[in-house]
Amino acid sequence: MNAPIRVGIVGTGYAAKLRVETFQADERSQVVAVAGQDQARTAAFCEPFGIPALATWGELVQHPDVDVVVICTVNRLHGAIARIALQAGKHVVVEYPLSLDSAEAEELVNLAEAQHRLLHVEQIDVLSGVHGAIAQQLPSIGKPLYVRYSSLNPQHPAPRKWTYQADTFGFPLVGALSRIHRLTTLFGKVTSVSGQNQVWVDHPSTYPHSMGDSFHTTCLCSGQLRFESGLMAEVIYGKGEAIWAAERRLDIHAHDGLIHFDGTQGKLVTAEGDRPLDGGSRRGLFAQDTQSVLNYLTEGKPLYIQPQSSVYALRVANAVRQAAELNQVVPVRN
């Protein structure tokens, strides 16, 4: 594509702000419109950048001056916006997940191919120093046997925002898809899963609670994954008022050693002793992702990730959702 590439942003949150700043700082692109869910908030978001604020995302995706639609809004809307944007002939960049439904996500990948348009699903965790360090050190520990990946975020009080609504955020391991995606990127295909999920409105005594559109105060989800290699993995995700200690921990136990990360600080444990691993900073990852998109559109350079990778992780996450609902082991279609 010829520069400047004209970008429309759907959303006014943290990710949208970082996207606007990166696009505006690059001479190859220009943000020409932003649409949010609240007109007053959208106008306030756009004012410092001097960008026109549109009333609806429907208006933005049909706008003749928009070449690329970047979707940074609530998870529930990702699939619908991506579909209409692709049908309108736009390139699409979307924060994960591409959709809450894995079948719809697969349809969108096929639609993008048919339309000869870019469909890029952000997966910045794959760009991170932690992911790079793990991938580099995996050969040092032999055959992986067991993984425990835990992300716990205490919040007191729990915010009344869309990330605490099941119908807008999605099943926890779908809304927080990067956890499963990291493991499928590192370890390949999954054969079967099981899962558990609890959502509390005010206090644990209210469980079980219907996962409707009301705000919850805590969610706690666990998925057990069996990989084709025989590897067993447990992914734990929780947030809210019934969580009392923060944890961002990843342990990979293997035949000849252990890779351990607590946040961005890690260590390699083998028979020869321990060695520190530095996962670096997470700053700048959205900018890297944005620049990767611009490099692809202007120079044809390959992207760091393909949407099929994210769609497969979504299929695994939805299998965990089904397993939690049925209380049984569910096979994963590969």
C-alpha atoms as a PDB file:
ATOM      1  CA  MET A   1       0.000   0.000   0.000  1.00  0.00           C
ATOM      2  CA  ASN A   2       1.033   3.578  -0.601  1.00  0.00           C
ATOM      3  CA  ALA A   3       1.690   5.795   2.403  1.00  0.00           C
ATOM      4  CA  PRO A   4       0.144   7.333   4.290  1.00  0.00           C
ATOM      5  CA  ILE A   5      -2.101   4.439   5.236  1.00  0.00           C
ATOM      6  CA  ARG A   6      -5.387   5.770   6.577  1.00  0.00           C
ATOM      7  CA  VAL A   7      -6.390   4.133   9.860  1.00  0.00           C
ATOM      8  CA  GLY A   8      -9.695   4.014  11.722  1.00  0.00           C
ATOM      9  CA  ILE A   9      -9.694   2.984  15.393  1.00  0.00           C
ATOM     10  CA  VAL A  10     -12.670   1.371  17.155  1.00  0.00           C
ATOM     11  CA  GLY A  11     -12.248   1.906  20.894  1.00  0.00           C
ATOM     12  CA  THR A  12     -11.021   4.538  23.331  1.00  0.00           C
ATOM     13  CA  GLY A  13      -9.194   2.509  25.978  1.00  0.00           C
ATOM     14  CA  TYR A  14      -5.557   1.813  26.809  1.00  0.00           C
ATOM     15  CA  ALA A  15      -4.791  -0.254  23.705  1.00  0.00           C
ATOM     16  CA  ALA A  16      -6.505   2.277  21.434  1.00  0.00           C
ATOM     17  CA  LYS A  17      -4.397   5.108  22.884  1.00  0.00           C
ATOM     18  CA  LEU A  18      -1.154   3.214  22.271  1.00  0.00           C
ATOM     19  CA  ARG A  19      -2.261   2.404  18.732  1.00  0.00           C
ATOM     20  CA  VAL A  20      -3.073   6.045  17.947  1.00  0.00           C
ATOM     21  CA  GLU A  21       0.243   7.260  19.348  1.00  0.00           C
ATOM     22  CA  THR A  22       2.227   4.752  17.274  1.00  0.00           C
ATOM     23  CA  PHE A  23       0.334   5.304  14.028  1.00  0.00           C
ATOM     24  CA  GLN A  24       0.520   9.098  14.386  1.00  0.00           C
ATOM     25  CA  ALA A  25       4.265   8.981  15.084  1.00  0.00           C
ATOM     26  CA  ASP A  26       4.961   6.963  11.925  1.00  0.00           C
ATOM     27  CA  GLU A  27       5.047   8.881   8.629  1.00  0.00           C
ATOM     28  CA  ARG A  28       3.638   5.835   6.847  1.00  0.00           C
ATOM     29  CA  SER A  29       0.248   6.121   8.571  1.00  0.00           C
ATOM     30  CA  GLN A  30      -2.396   8.560   9.705  1.00  0.00           C
ATOM     31  CA  VAL A  31      -5.365   7.992  12.018  1.00  0.00           C
ATOM     32  CA  VAL A  32      -8.332   9.586  10.255  1.00  0.00           C
ATOM     33  CA  ALA A  33     -11.204   8.600  12.576  1.00  0.00           C
ATOM     34  CA  VAL A  34     -12.057   7.049  15.943  1.00  0.00           C
ATOM     35  CA  ALA A  35     -15.365   5.552  17.103  1.00  0.00           C
ATOM     36  CA  GLY A  36     -16.208   4.525  20.662  1.00  0.00           C
ATOM     37  CA  GLN A  37     -19.259   3.405  22.611  1.00  0.00           C
ATOM     38  CA  ASP A  38     -19.769   6.754  24.350  1.00  0.00           C
ATOM     39  CA  GLN A  39     -19.774   9.912  22.239  1.00  0.00           C
ATOM     40  CA  ALA A  40     -18.568  12.242  25.004  1.00  0.00           C
ATOM     41  CA  ARG A  41     -15.702   9.947  25.928  1.00  0.00           C
ATOM     42  CA  THR A  42     -14.787   9.474  22.264  1.00  0.00           C
ATOM     43  CA  ALA A  43     -14.676  13.246  21.720  1.00  0.00           C
ATOM     44  CA  ALA A  44     -12.432  13.670  24.772  1.00  0.00           C
ATOM     45  CA  PHE A  45     -10.171  10.851  23.552  1.00  0.00           C
ATOM     46  CA  CYS A  46      -9.812  12.396  20.080  1.00  0.00           C
ATOM     47  CA  GLU A  47      -9.330  16.023  21.116  1.00  0.00           C
ATOM     48  CA  PRO A  48      -5.596  15.881  22.061  1.00  0.00           C
ATOM     49  CA  PHE A  49      -4.790  14.141  18.760  1.00  0.00           C
ATOM     50  CA  GLY A  50      -6.969  16.346  16.565  1.00  0.00           C
ATOM     51  CA  ILE A  51      -8.756  13.291  15.151  1.00  0.00           C
ATOM     52  CA  PRO A  52     -12.424  13.292  14.061  1.00  0.00           C
ATOM     53  CA  ALA A  53     -14.741  11.373  16.397  1.00  0.00           C
ATOM     54  CA  LEU A  54     -17.448   9.299  14.717  1.00  0.00           C
ATOM     55  CA  ALA A  55     -20.752   8.357  16.325  1.00  0.00           C
ATOM     56  CA  THR A  56     -20.657   4.596  15.657  1.00  0.00           C
ATOM     57  CA  TRP A  57     -18.263   1.860  14.603  1.00  0.00           C
ATOM     58  CA  GLY A  58     -20.635   1.094  11.734  1.00  0.00           C
ATOM     59  CA  GLU A  59     -19.959   4.539  10.316  1.00  0.00           C
ATOM     60  CA  LEU A  60     -16.213   4.047  10.734  1.00  0.00           C
ATOM     61  CA  VAL A  61     -15.928   0.682   8.962  1.00  0.00           C
ATOM     62  CA  GLN A  62     -17.843   2.044   5.959  1.00  0.00           C
ATOM     63  CA  HIS A  63     -15.886   5.311   5.821  1.00  0.00           C
ATOM     64  CA  PRO A  64     -14.350   5.799   2.343  1.00  0.00           C
ATOM     65  CA  ASP A  65     -11.175   7.370   3.770  1.00  0.00           C
ATOM     66  CA  VAL A  66     -10.340   4.381   6.020  1.00  0.00           C
ATOM     67  CA  ASP A  67      -7.950   1.733   4.662  1.00  0.00           C
ATOM     68  CA  VAL A  68      -7.340  -0.205   7.887  1.00  0.00           C
ATOM     69  CA  VAL A  69      -9.766  -0.810  10.759  1.00  0.00           C
ATOM     70  CA  VAL A  70      -8.136  -1.422  14.154  1.00  0.00           C
ATOM     71  CA  ILE A  71     -10.495  -3.029  16.686  1.00  0.00           C
ATOM     72  CA  CYS A  72      -9.756  -2.218  20.340  1.00  0.00           C
ATOM     73  CA  THR A  73     -13.217  -2.464  21.876  1.00  0.00           C
ATOM     74  CA  VAL A  74     -15.114  -5.015  23.991  1.00  0.00           C
ATOM     75  CA  ASN A  75     -14.450  -8.641  23.069  1.00  0.00           C
ATOM     76  CA  ARG A  76     -18.090  -9.378  22.231  1.00  0.00           C
ATOM     77  CA  LEU A  77     -17.991  -6.988  19.249  1.00  0.00           C
ATOM     78  CA  HIS A  78     -14.700  -8.134  17.697  1.00  0.00           C
ATOM     79  CA  GLY A  79     -16.171 -10.699  15.324  1.00  0.00           C
ATOM     80  CA  ALA A  80     -19.050  -8.536  14.094  1.00  0.00           C
ATOM     81  CA  ILE A  81     -16.853  -5.507  13.420  1.00  0.00           C
ATOM     82  CA  ALA A  82     -14.179  -7.578  11.700  1.00  0.00           C
ATOM     83  CA  ARG A  83     -16.747  -9.221   9.417  1.00  0.00           C
ATOM     84  CA  ILE A  84     -18.345  -5.964   8.265  1.00  0.00           C
ATOM     85  CA  ALA A  85     -14.966  -4.275   7.837  1.00  0.00           C
ATOM     86  CA  LEU A  86     -13.653  -7.120   5.685  1.00  0.00           C
ATOM     87  CA  GLN A  87     -16.838  -7.135   3.621  1.00  0.00           C
ATOM     88  CA  ALA A  88     -16.308  -3.397   3.092  1.00  0.00           C
ATOM     89  CA  GLY A  89     -12.848  -4.119   1.671  1.00  0.00           C
ATOM     90  CA  LYS A  90     -10.850  -2.903   4.667  1.00  0.00           C
ATOM     91  CA  HIS A  91      -7.750  -4.442   6.177  1.00  0.00           C
ATOM     92  CA  VAL A  92      -8.376  -5.455   9.799  1.00  0.00           C
ATOM     93  CA  VAL A  93      -6.207  -5.457  12.920  1.00  0.00           C
ATOM     94  CA  VAL A  94      -7.904  -6.773  16.058  1.00  0.00           C
ATOM     95  CA  GLU A  95      -6.882  -7.294  19.665  1.00  0.00           C
ATOM     96  CA  TYR A  96      -7.323 -10.914  20.778  1.00  0.00           C
ATOM     97  CA  PRO A  97      -9.664 -12.726  20.719  1.00  0.00           C
ATOM     98  CA  LEU A  98     -10.743 -12.434  17.093  1.00  0.00           C
ATOM     99  CA  SER A  99     -14.187 -13.614  18.197  1.00  0.00           C
ATOM    100  CA  LEU A 100     -15.751 -15.224  21.249  1.00  0.00           C
ATOM    101  CA  ASP A 101     -16.761 -18.095  18.968  1.00  0.00           C
ATOM    102  CA  SER A 102     -14.066 -20.205  17.315  1.00  0.00           C
ATOM    103  CA  ALA A 103     -16.276 -21.188  14.357  1.00  0.00           C
ATOM    104  CA  GLU A 104     -16.876 -17.517  13.567  1.00  0.00           C
ATOM    105  CA  ALA A 105     -13.144 -16.835  13.882  1.00  0.00           C
ATOM    106  CA  GLU A 106     -12.392 -19.520  11.284  1.00  0.00           C
ATOM    107  CA  GLU A 107     -15.011 -17.988   8.967  1.00  0.00           C
ATOM    108  CA  LEU A 108     -13.346 -14.574   9.322  1.00  0.00           C
ATOM    109  CA  VAL A 109      -9.933 -15.962   8.350  1.00  0.00           C
ATOM    110  CA  ASN A 110     -11.500 -17.483   5.238  1.00  0.00           C
ATOM    111  CA  LEU A 111     -13.310 -14.228   4.468  1.00  0.00           C
ATOM    112  CA  ALA A 112     -10.077 -12.232   4.699  1.00  0.00           C
ATOM    113  CA  GLU A 113      -8.397 -14.628   2.276  1.00  0.00           C
ATOM    114  CA  ALA A 114     -11.320 -14.391  -0.135  1.00  0.00           C
ATOM    115  CA  GLN A 115     -11.267 -10.584   0.062  1.00  0.00           C
ATOM    116  CA  HIS A 116      -7.461 -10.471  -0.300  1.00  0.00           C
ATOM    117  CA  ARG A 117      -7.275  -8.354   2.839  1.00  0.00           C
ATOM    118  CA  LEU A 118      -5.037  -8.454   5.885  1.00  0.00           C
ATOM    119  CA  LEU A 119      -6.551  -9.935   9.038  1.00  0.00           C
ATOM    120  CA  HIS A 120      -4.056  -9.587  11.877  1.00  0.00           C
ATOM    121  CA  VAL A 121      -4.849 -10.732  15.414  1.00  0.00           C
ATOM    122  CA  GLU A 122      -2.580  -9.065  17.978  1.00  0.00           C
ATOM    123  CA  GLN A 123      -0.610 -11.511  20.138  1.00  0.00           C
ATOM    124  CA  ILE A 124       1.991  -9.283  21.780  1.00  0.00           C
ATOM    125  CA  ASP A 125       2.924 -11.918  24.368  1.00  0.00           C
ATOM    126  CA  VAL A 126       4.695 -13.773  21.541  1.00  0.00           C
ATOM    127  CA  LEU A 127       6.826 -10.634  21.027  1.00  0.00           C
ATOM    128  CA  SER A 128       7.764 -10.406  24.710  1.00  0.00           C
ATOM    129  CA  GLY A 129      11.160 -11.111  26.205  1.00  0.00           C
ATOM    130  CA  VAL A 130       9.640 -13.775  28.445  1.00  0.00           C
ATOM    131  CA  HIS A 131       8.346 -15.735  25.460  1.00  0.00           C
ATOM    132  CA  GLY A 132      11.642 -15.347  23.623  1.00  0.00           C
ATOM    133  CA  ALA A 133      13.653 -16.536  26.630  1.00  0.00           C
ATOM    134  CA  ILE A 134      11.428 -19.580  27.068  1.00  0.00           C
ATOM    135  CA  ALA A 135      11.665 -20.540  23.392  1.00  0.00           C
ATOM    136  CA  GLN A 136      15.451 -20.142  23.480  1.00  0.00           C
ATOM    137  CA  GLN A 137      15.918 -22.249  26.617  1.00  0.00           C
ATOM    138  CA  LEU A 138      13.457 -25.079  25.919  1.00  0.00           C
ATOM    139  CA  PRO A 139      16.121 -27.257  24.243  1.00  0.00           C
ATOM    140  CA  SER A 140      18.190 -26.992  27.456  1.00  0.00           C
ATOM    141  CA  ILE A 141      15.655 -28.837  29.608  1.00  0.00           C
ATOM    142  CA  GLY A 142      14.779 -31.818  27.416  1.00  0.00           C
ATOM    143  CA  LYS A 143      11.274 -33.230  26.971  1.00  0.00           C
ATOM    144  CA  PRO A 144       8.629 -31.002  28.639  1.00  0.00           C
ATOM    145  CA  LEU A 145       6.418 -32.982  31.026  1.00  0.00           C
ATOM    146  CA  TYR A 146       4.241 -30.543  33.001  1.00  0.00           C
ATOM    147  CA  VAL A 147       3.410 -26.818  32.822  1.00  0.00           C
ATOM    148  CA  ARG A 148       1.663 -24.662  35.387  1.00  0.00           C
ATOM    149  CA  TYR A 149       0.718 -21.159  34.212  1.00  0.00           C
ATOM    150  CA  SER A 150      -1.011 -18.938  36.756  1.00  0.00           C
ATOM    151  CA  SER A 151      -2.312 -15.357  36.383  1.00  0.00           C
ATOM    152  CA  LEU A 152      -4.090 -14.011  39.467  1.00  0.00           C
ATOM    153  CA  ASN A 153      -5.057 -10.367  39.906  1.00  0.00           C
ATOM    154  CA  PRO A 154      -6.617  -9.176  43.195  1.00  0.00           C
ATOM    155  CA  GLN A 155      -8.835  -6.106  42.789  1.00  0.00           C
ATOM    156  CA  HIS A 156     -10.569  -4.531  45.780  1.00  0.00           C
ATOM    157  CA  PRO A 157     -13.147  -3.401  44.916  1.00  0.00           C
ATOM    158  CA  ALA A 158     -13.672  -5.095  41.569  1.00  0.00           C
ATOM    159  CA  PRO A 159     -14.269  -2.465  38.890  1.00  0.00           C
ATOM    160  CA  ARG A 160     -17.678  -2.227  37.255  1.00  0.00           C
ATOM    161  CA  LYS A 161     -16.353  -2.483  33.718  1.00  0.00           C
ATOM    162  CA  TRP A 162     -16.811  -4.744  30.730  1.00  0.00           C
ATOM    163  CA  THR A 163     -13.935  -7.032  31.676  1.00  0.00           C
ATOM    164  CA  TYR A 164     -16.092  -8.092  34.655  1.00  0.00           C
ATOM    165  CA  GLN A 165     -19.101  -9.018  32.517  1.00  0.00           C
ATOM    166  CA  ALA A 166     -19.246 -12.510  31.083  1.00  0.00           C
ATOM    167  CA  ASP A 167     -21.194 -11.549  27.971  1.00  0.00           C
ATOM    168  CA  THR A 168     -18.734  -8.822  26.923  1.00  0.00           C
ATOM    169  CA  PHE A 169     -15.405 -10.330  28.071  1.00  0.00           C
ATOM    170  CA  GLY A 170     -16.254 -13.944  27.287  1.00  0.00           C
ATOM    171  CA  PHE A 171     -15.271 -17.153  29.054  1.00  0.00           C
ATOM    172  CA  PRO A 172     -12.170 -16.234  31.105  1.00  0.00           C
ATOM    173  CA  LEU A 173      -9.658 -18.253  29.073  1.00  0.00           C
ATOM    174  CA  VAL A 174     -11.185 -16.886  25.848  1.00  0.00           C
ATOM    175  CA  GLY A 175     -11.029 -13.275  27.006  1.00  0.00           C
ATOM    176  CA  ALA A 176      -7.493 -13.910  28.307  1.00  0.00           C
ATOM    177  CA  LEU A 177      -6.543 -15.995  25.277  1.00  0.00           C
ATOM    178  CA  SER A 178      -2.837 -15.125  25.347  1.00  0.00           C
ATOM    179  CA  ARG A 179      -2.234 -17.713  28.094  1.00  0.00           C
ATOM    180  CA  ILE A 180      -3.373 -20.651  26.007  1.00  0.00           C
ATOM    181  CA  HIS A 181      -1.894 -19.151  22.842  1.00  0.00           C
ATOM    182  CA  ARG A 182       1.552 -18.974  24.449  1.00  0.00           C
ATOM    183  CA  LEU A 183       1.396 -22.685  25.262  1.00  0.00           C
ATOM    184  CA  THR A 184       0.092 -23.808  21.866  1.00  0.00           C
ATOM    185  CA  THR A 185       2.781 -21.697  20.174  1.00  0.00           C
ATOM    186  CA  LEU A 186       5.501 -23.329  22.284  1.00  0.00           C
ATOM    187  CA  PHE A 187       4.205 -26.905  22.517  1.00  0.00           C
ATOM    188  CA  GLY A 188       1.934 -27.564  19.538  1.00  0.00           C
ATOM    189  CA  LYS A 189      -1.386 -29.358  19.302  1.00  0.00           C
ATOM    190  CA  VAL A 190      -3.744 -30.247  22.161  1.00  0.00           C
ATOM    191  CA  THR A 191      -5.657 -33.530  22.142  1.00  0.00           C
ATOM    192  CA  SER A 192      -8.096 -33.031  25.034  1.00  0.00           C
ATOM    193  CA  VAL A 193      -8.992 -30.625  27.817  1.00  0.00           C
ATOM    194  CA  SER A 194     -10.909 -30.385  31.065  1.00  0.00           C
ATOM    195  CA  GLY A 195     -11.858 -27.255  32.965  1.00  0.00           C
ATOM    196  CA  GLN A 196     -13.486 -25.547  35.925  1.00  0.00           C
ATOM    197  CA  ASN A 197     -14.922 -22.044  36.157  1.00  0.00           C
ATOM    198  CA  GLN A 198     -16.514 -20.083  38.992  1.00  0.00           C
ATOM    199  CA  VAL A 199     -18.002 -16.592  38.928  1.00  0.00           C
ATOM    200  CA  TRP A 200     -19.141 -14.738  42.064  1.00  0.00           C
ATOM    201  CA  VAL A 201     -21.346 -11.669  42.207  1.00  0.00           C
ATOM    202  CA  ASP A 202     -20.820 -10.370  45.736  1.00  0.00           C
ATOM    203  CA  HIS A 203     -19.388 -13.199  47.799  1.00  0.00           C
ATOM    204  CA  PRO A 204     -18.387 -16.846  47.222  1.00  0.00           C
ATOM    205  CA  SER A 205     -21.615 -17.909  48.972  1.00  0.00           C
ATOM    206  CA  THR A 206     -23.544 -16.664  45.909  1.00  0.00           C
ATOM    207  CA  TYR A 207     -21.998 -19.347  43.682  1.00  0.00           C
ATOM    208  CA  PRO A 208     -23.298 -20.848  41.441  1.00  0.00           C
ATOM    209  CA  HIS A 209     -24.314 -17.739  39.541  1.00  0.00           C
ATOM    210  CA  SER A 210     -25.795 -17.393  36.081  1.00  0.00           C
ATOM    211  CA  MET A 211     -23.173 -15.904  33.752  1.00  0.00           C
ATOM    212  CA  GLY A 212     -25.378 -13.217  32.229  1.00  0.00           C
ATOM    213  CA  ASP A 213     -24.777  -9.545  31.629  1.00  0.00           C
ATOM    214  CA  SER A 214     -24.482  -8.546  35.299  1.00  0.00           C
ATOM    215  CA  PHE A 215     -21.165  -7.460  36.785  1.00  0.00           C
ATOM    216  CA  HIS A 216     -19.323 -10.067  38.810  1.00  0.00           C
ATOM    217  CA  THR A 217     -16.808  -9.387  41.556  1.00  0.00           C
ATOM    218  CA  THR A 218     -14.566 -12.425  41.053  1.00  0.00           C
ATOM    219  CA  CYS A 219     -13.871 -15.054  38.437  1.00  0.00           C
ATOM    220  CA  LEU A 220     -11.598 -18.058  38.853  1.00  0.00           C
ATOM    221  CA  CYS A 221     -10.963 -20.416  35.964  1.00  0.00           C
ATOM    222  CA  SER A 222      -8.691 -23.413  35.476  1.00  0.00           C
ATOM    223  CA  GLY A 223      -8.050 -25.425  32.323  1.00  0.00           C
ATOM    224  CA  GLN A 224      -6.138 -28.685  32.027  1.00  0.00           C
ATOM    225  CA  LEU A 225      -4.598 -29.366  28.617  1.00  0.00           C
ATOM    226  CA  ARG A 226      -3.192 -32.653  27.293  1.00  0.00           C
ATOM    227  CA  PHE A 227      -0.853 -32.116  24.326  1.00  0.00           C
ATOM    228  CA  GLU A 228      -0.076 -34.562  21.525  1.00  0.00           C
ATOM    229  CA  SER A 229       3.438 -34.874  22.943  1.00  0.00           C
ATOM    230  CA  GLY A 230       2.038 -36.137  26.261  1.00  0.00           C
ATOM    231  CA  LEU A 231       2.723 -32.831  28.004  1.00  0.00           C
ATOM    232  CA  MET A 232       0.221 -31.923  30.724  1.00  0.00           C
ATOM    233  CA  ALA A 233      -0.489 -28.236  31.336  1.00  0.00           C
ATOM    234  CA  GLU A 234      -2.664 -26.330  33.781  1.00  0.00           C
ATOM    235  CA  VAL A 235      -3.686 -22.744  33.010  1.00  0.00           C
ATOM    236  CA  ILE A 236      -5.164 -20.724  35.891  1.00  0.00           C
ATOM    237  CA  TYR A 237      -6.760 -17.286  35.481  1.00  0.00           C
ATOM    238  CA  GLY A 238      -8.479 -15.322  38.223  1.00  0.00           C
ATOM    239  CA  LYS A 239      -9.277 -11.731  39.135  1.00  0.00           C
ATOM    240  CA  GLY A 240     -11.355  -9.769  41.581  1.00  0.00           C
ATOM    241  CA  GLU A 241     -12.252  -9.436  45.223  1.00  0.00           C
ATOM    242  CA  ALA A 242     -11.880 -13.092  46.288  1.00  0.00           C
ATOM    243  CA  ILE A 243      -8.298 -13.136  45.007  1.00  0.00           C
ATOM    244  CA  TRP A 244      -5.927 -12.040  47.782  1.00  0.00           C
ATOM    245  CA  ALA A 245      -2.446 -12.366  46.295  1.00  0.00           C
ATOM    246  CA  ALA A 246      -1.176 -11.413  42.861  1.00  0.00           C
ATOM    247  CA  GLU A 247       0.593 -14.100  40.846  1.00  0.00           C
ATOM    248  CA  ARG A 248       2.107 -14.162  37.358  1.00  0.00           C
ATOM    249  CA  ARG A 249       3.972 -17.441  37.369  1.00  0.00           C
ATOM    250  CA  LEU A 250       4.967 -19.920  34.694  1.00  0.00           C
ATOM    251  CA  ASP A 251       6.757 -23.191  35.472  1.00  0.00           C
ATOM    252  CA  ILE A 252       7.854 -25.636  32.763  1.00  0.00           C
ATOM    253  CA  HIS A 253       9.015 -28.938  34.246  1.00  0.00           C
ATOM    254  CA  ALA A 254      10.957 -31.144  31.862  1.00  0.00           C
ATOM    255  CA  HIS A 255      13.095 -34.284  31.873  1.00  0.00           C
ATOM    256  CA  ASP A 256      16.372 -32.394  32.283  1.00  0.00           C
ATOM    257  CA  GLY A 257      15.387 -29.201  34.052  1.00  0.00           C
ATOM    258  CA  LEU A 258      12.942 -26.403  34.837  1.00  0.00           C
ATOM    259  CA  ILE A 259      12.152 -22.994  33.350  1.00  0.00           C
ATOM    260  CA  HIS A 260      10.565 -20.737  35.942  1.00  0.00           C
ATOM    261  CA  PHE A 261       9.219 -17.202  35.486  1.00  0.00           C
ATOM    262  CA  ASP A 262       7.729 -14.964  38.143  1.00  0.00           C
ATOM    263  CA  GLY A 263       6.585 -11.921  36.206  1.00  0.00           C
ATOM    264  CA  THR A 264       9.468 -11.008  33.910  1.00  0.00           C
ATOM    265  CA  GLN A 265      12.192 -12.493  36.130  1.00  0.00           C
ATOM    266  CA  GLY A 266      13.051 -16.106  35.611  1.00  0.00           C
ATOM    267  CA  LYS A 267      15.590 -18.836  36.069  1.00  0.00           C
ATOM    268  CA  LEU A 268      16.790 -21.965  34.352  1.00  0.00           C
ATOM    269  CA  VAL A 269      17.277 -24.920  36.726  1.00  0.00           C
ATOM    270  CA  THR A 270      19.344 -27.917  35.578  1.00  0.00           C
ATOM    271  CA  ALA A 271      21.708 -30.456  37.135  1.00  0.00           C
ATOM    272  CA  GLU A 272      24.520 -27.944  36.538  1.00  0.00           C
ATOM    273  CA  GLY A 273      22.802 -25.359  38.763  1.00  0.00           C
ATOM    274  CA  ASP A 274      20.585 -22.306  38.399  1.00  0.00           C
ATOM    275  CA  ARG A 275      20.941 -19.520  35.857  1.00  0.00           C
ATOM    276  CA  PRO A 276      18.904 -16.301  35.824  1.00  0.00           C
ATOM    277  CA  LEU A 277      16.680 -15.453  32.855  1.00  0.00           C
ATOM    278  CA  ASP A 278      15.609 -11.893  32.144  1.00  0.00           C
ATOM    279  CA  GLY A 279      12.277 -11.420  30.400  1.00  0.00           C
ATOM    280  CA  GLY A 280      12.883  -7.716  29.826  1.00  0.00           C
ATOM    281  CA  SER A 281      10.130  -5.115  29.848  1.00  0.00           C
ATOM    282  CA  ARG A 282       6.644  -5.274  28.365  1.00  0.00           C
ATOM    283  CA  ARG A 283       6.873  -1.624  27.341  1.00  0.00           C
ATOM    284  CA  GLY A 284       6.674  -0.994  23.632  1.00  0.00           C
ATOM    285  CA  LEU A 285       5.040  -4.277  22.613  1.00  0.00           C
ATOM    286  CA  PHE A 286       1.938  -2.626  21.115  1.00  0.00           C
ATOM    287  CA  ALA A 287       4.249  -0.325  19.159  1.00  0.00           C
ATOM    288  CA  GLN A 288       6.176  -3.344  17.852  1.00  0.00           C
ATOM    289  CA  ASP A 289       2.945  -5.008  16.798  1.00  0.00           C
ATOM    290  CA  THR A 290       1.747  -1.827  15.062  1.00  0.00           C
ATOM    291  CA  GLN A 291       5.058  -1.380  13.248  1.00  0.00           C
ATOM    292  CA  SER A 292       4.917  -5.013  12.130  1.00  0.00           C
ATOM    293  CA  VAL A 293       1.537  -4.306  10.514  1.00  0.00           C
ATOM    294  CA  LEU A 294       2.893  -1.226   8.747  1.00  0.00           C
ATOM    295  CA  ASN A 295       5.963  -3.135   7.559  1.00  0.00           C
ATOM    296  CA  TYR A 296       3.683  -5.771   6.063  1.00  0.00           C
ATOM    297  CA  LEU A 297       1.358  -3.297   4.358  1.00  0.00           C
ATOM    298  CA  THR A 298       4.070  -1.011   2.958  1.00  0.00           C
ATOM    299  CA  GLU A 299       6.972  -3.391   2.328  1.00  0.00           C
ATOM    300  CA  GLY A 300       5.474  -6.874   2.302  1.00  0.00           C
ATOM    301  CA  LYS A 301       7.560  -8.035   5.269  1.00  0.00           C
ATOM    302  CA  PRO A 302       6.144 -11.159   6.958  1.00  0.00           C
ATOM    303  CA  LEU A 303       4.158 -10.676  10.155  1.00  0.00           C
ATOM    304  CA  TYR A 304       5.384 -12.289  13.369  1.00  0.00           C
ATOM    305  CA  ILE A 305       2.180 -14.322  13.764  1.00  0.00           C
ATOM    306  CA  GLN A 306      -0.582 -15.671  11.530  1.00  0.00           C
ATOM    307  CA  PRO A 307      -4.296 -15.518  12.462  1.00  0.00           C
ATOM    308  CA  GLN A 308      -4.656 -19.299  12.188  1.00  0.00           C
ATOM    309  CA  SER A 309      -2.421 -19.607  15.266  1.00  0.00           C
ATOM    310  CA  SER A 310      -4.749 -17.433  17.331  1.00  0.00           C
ATOM    311  CA  VAL A 311      -7.840 -19.198  15.972  1.00  0.00           C
ATOM    312  CA  TYR A 312      -6.429 -22.565  17.056  1.00  0.00           C
ATOM    313  CA  ALA A 313      -5.788 -21.259  20.582  1.00  0.00           C
ATOM    314  CA  LEU A 314      -9.371 -19.961  20.608  1.00  0.00           C
ATOM    315  CA  ARG A 315     -10.619 -23.428  19.650  1.00  0.00           C
ATOM    316  CA  VAL A 316      -8.734 -24.894  22.624  1.00  0.00           C
ATOM    317  CA  ALA A 317     -10.083 -22.205  24.984  1.00  0.00           C
ATOM    318  CA  ASN A 318     -13.655 -22.848  23.878  1.00  0.00           C
ATOM    319  CA  ALA A 319     -13.107 -26.563  24.409  1.00  0.00           C
ATOM    320  CA  VAL A 320     -12.146 -25.733  28.019  1.00  0.00           C
ATOM    321  CA  ARG A 321     -15.367 -23.701  28.314  1.00  0.00           C
ATOM    322  CA  GLN A 322     -17.370 -26.680  27.077  1.00  0.00           C
ATOM    323  CA  ALA A 323     -15.528 -29.026  29.442  1.00  0.00           C
ATOM    324  CA  ALA A 324     -16.294 -26.743  32.398  1.00  0.00           C
ATOM    325  CA  GLU A 325     -19.980 -26.586  31.451  1.00  0.00           C
ATOM    326  CA  LEU A 326     -20.276 -30.362  30.963  1.00  0.00           C
ATOM    327  CA  ASN A 327     -17.881 -31.334  33.785  1.00  0.00           C
ATOM    328  CA  GLN A 328     -16.111 -33.809  31.537  1.00  0.00           C
ATOM    329  CA  VAL A 329     -13.034 -34.218  29.355  1.00  0.00           C
ATOM    330  CA  VAL A 330     -13.540 -32.755  25.863  1.00  0.00           C
ATOM    331  CA  PRO A 331     -11.462 -33.668  22.775  1.00  0.00           C
ATOM    332  CA  VAL A 332      -9.968 -30.860  20.671  1.00  0.00           C
ATOM    333  CA  ARG A 333     -10.445 -30.860  16.919  1.00  0.00           C
ATOM    334  CA  ASN A 334      -7.075 -30.541  15.120  1.00  0.00           C
END
